[in-house]
Amino acid sequence: MEAKTDPRVIGILAIIIGILMIIYPYLVGYLVGIFLIVYGILKFFE
């Protein structure tokens, strides 16, 4: 994954999570946890 695409991907994920927070508030905890795990794995193998 190139560094140039990271801000765009994070921005898209932020928008999707924001929309889901409005529609499905009870899913936010799970989504944030999954996002943090994926983000951590990507940074670990960077």
N, C-alpha and C. Protein backbone atom coordinates (compact mmCIF):
# COMPACT_ATOMS: atom_id res chain seq x y z
N MET A 1 0.85 -1.19 0.00
CA MET A 1 0.00 0.00 0.00
C MET A 1 0.88 1.24 0.00
N GLU A 2 0.67 2.14 -0.93
CA GLU A 2 1.47 3.35 -1.01
C GLU A 2 0.97 4.39 -0.02
N ALA A 3 1.88 5.21 0.44
CA ALA A 3 1.52 6.25 1.41
C ALA A 3 0.54 7.26 0.81
N LYS A 4 0.58 7.43 -0.53
CA LYS A 4 -0.31 8.39 -1.17
C LYS A 4 -1.78 8.02 -1.03
N THR A 5 -2.08 6.74 -0.94
CA THR A 5 -3.48 6.31 -0.87
C THR A 5 -4.01 6.28 0.55
N ASP A 6 -3.13 6.32 1.55
CA ASP A 6 -3.57 6.18 2.94
C ASP A 6 -4.57 7.25 3.38
N PRO A 7 -4.31 8.54 3.16
CA PRO A 7 -5.30 9.55 3.62
C PRO A 7 -6.65 9.38 2.94
N ARG A 8 -6.66 9.02 1.67
CA ARG A 8 -7.92 8.84 0.95
C ARG A 8 -8.69 7.65 1.52
N VAL A 9 -7.99 6.54 1.77
CA VAL A 9 -8.64 5.35 2.33
C VAL A 9 -9.18 5.66 3.72
N ILE A 10 -8.38 6.33 4.54
CA ILE A 10 -8.84 6.68 5.89
C ILE A 10 -10.04 7.61 5.82
N GLY A 11 -10.02 8.55 4.88
CA GLY A 11 -11.16 9.45 4.71
C GLY A 11 -12.42 8.71 4.32
N ILE A 12 -12.31 7.77 3.39
CA ILE A 12 -13.47 6.99 2.97
C ILE A 12 -14.01 6.17 4.14
N LEU A 13 -13.10 5.53 4.89
CA LEU A 13 -13.54 4.75 6.05
C LEU A 13 -14.21 5.65 7.08
N ALA A 14 -13.68 6.86 7.28
CA ALA A 14 -14.28 7.78 8.24
C ALA A 14 -15.69 8.15 7.82
N ILE A 15 -15.90 8.39 6.53
CA ILE A 15 -17.24 8.73 6.04
C ILE A 15 -18.19 7.56 6.23
N ILE A 16 -17.74 6.35 5.88
CA ILE A 16 -18.60 5.17 6.02
C ILE A 16 -18.96 4.94 7.49
N ILE A 17 -17.97 5.04 8.37
CA ILE A 17 -18.22 4.84 9.80
C ILE A 17 -19.15 5.93 10.32
N GLY A 18 -18.98 7.17 9.85
CA GLY A 18 -19.86 8.26 10.27
C GLY A 18 -21.30 8.00 9.88
N ILE A 19 -21.52 7.52 8.65
CA ILE A 19 -22.88 7.22 8.20
C ILE A 19 -23.47 6.07 9.03
N LEU A 20 -22.66 5.03 9.27
CA LEU A 20 -23.15 3.90 10.04
C LEU A 20 -23.44 4.29 11.49
N MET A 21 -22.68 5.26 12.04
CA MET A 21 -22.94 5.72 13.40
C MET A 21 -24.33 6.33 13.50
N ILE A 22 -24.76 7.01 12.43
CA ILE A 22 -26.09 7.64 12.43
C ILE A 22 -27.18 6.57 12.29
N ILE A 23 -26.93 5.57 11.42
CA ILE A 23 -27.95 4.57 11.12
C ILE A 23 -27.98 3.45 12.17
N TYR A 24 -26.81 2.95 12.52
CA TYR A 24 -26.72 1.80 13.44
C TYR A 24 -25.77 2.12 14.60
N PRO A 25 -26.23 2.89 15.59
CA PRO A 25 -25.33 3.30 16.68
C PRO A 25 -24.71 2.11 17.43
N TYR A 26 -25.42 1.00 17.53
CA TYR A 26 -24.91 -0.13 18.31
C TYR A 26 -23.77 -0.86 17.61
N LEU A 27 -23.56 -0.60 16.30
CA LEU A 27 -22.46 -1.25 15.58
C LEU A 27 -21.15 -0.49 15.70
N VAL A 28 -21.21 0.72 16.22
CA VAL A 28 -20.02 1.59 16.20
C VAL A 28 -18.85 0.95 16.94
N GLY A 29 -19.12 0.38 18.12
CA GLY A 29 -18.05 -0.23 18.89
C GLY A 29 -17.33 -1.33 18.13
N TYR A 30 -18.10 -2.19 17.48
CA TYR A 30 -17.50 -3.27 16.72
C TYR A 30 -16.69 -2.73 15.54
N LEU A 31 -17.25 -1.75 14.83
CA LEU A 31 -16.56 -1.21 13.66
C LEU A 31 -15.27 -0.52 14.06
N VAL A 32 -15.30 0.25 15.14
CA VAL A 32 -14.08 0.93 15.60
C VAL A 32 -13.03 -0.10 15.99
N GLY A 33 -13.45 -1.15 16.69
CA GLY A 33 -12.50 -2.19 17.08
C GLY A 33 -11.87 -2.87 15.88
N ILE A 34 -12.69 -3.22 14.89
CA ILE A 34 -12.18 -3.87 13.68
C ILE A 34 -11.23 -2.92 12.94
N PHE A 35 -11.63 -1.63 12.83
CA PHE A 35 -10.79 -0.66 12.15
C PHE A 35 -9.44 -0.53 12.83
N LEU A 36 -9.44 -0.46 14.16
CA LEU A 36 -8.18 -0.32 14.90
C LEU A 36 -7.30 -1.55 14.71
N ILE A 37 -7.89 -2.72 14.70
CA ILE A 37 -7.12 -3.95 14.50
C ILE A 37 -6.49 -3.95 13.10
N VAL A 38 -7.29 -3.64 12.08
CA VAL A 38 -6.78 -3.62 10.71
C VAL A 38 -5.70 -2.56 10.56
N TYR A 39 -5.94 -1.38 11.12
CA TYR A 39 -4.96 -0.29 11.04
C TYR A 39 -3.65 -0.70 11.71
N GLY A 40 -3.78 -1.32 12.88
CA GLY A 40 -2.59 -1.77 13.59
C GLY A 40 -1.81 -2.81 12.80
N ILE A 41 -2.51 -3.75 12.18
CA ILE A 41 -1.85 -4.78 11.38
C ILE A 41 -1.15 -4.15 10.18
N LEU A 42 -1.82 -3.20 9.51
CA LEU A 42 -1.19 -2.55 8.36
C LEU A 42 0.06 -1.80 8.78
N LYS A 43 0.01 -1.10 9.90
CA LYS A 43 1.18 -0.36 10.38
C LYS A 43 2.29 -1.32 10.81
N PHE A 44 1.91 -2.45 11.39
CA PHE A 44 2.89 -3.42 11.87
C PHE A 44 3.70 -4.00 10.71
N PHE A 45 3.03 -4.30 9.60
CA PHE A 45 3.70 -4.91 8.45
C PHE A 45 4.20 -3.88 7.43
N GLU A 46 4.10 -2.61 7.77
CA GLU A 46 4.52 -1.55 6.84
C GLU A 46 6.02 -1.59 6.62
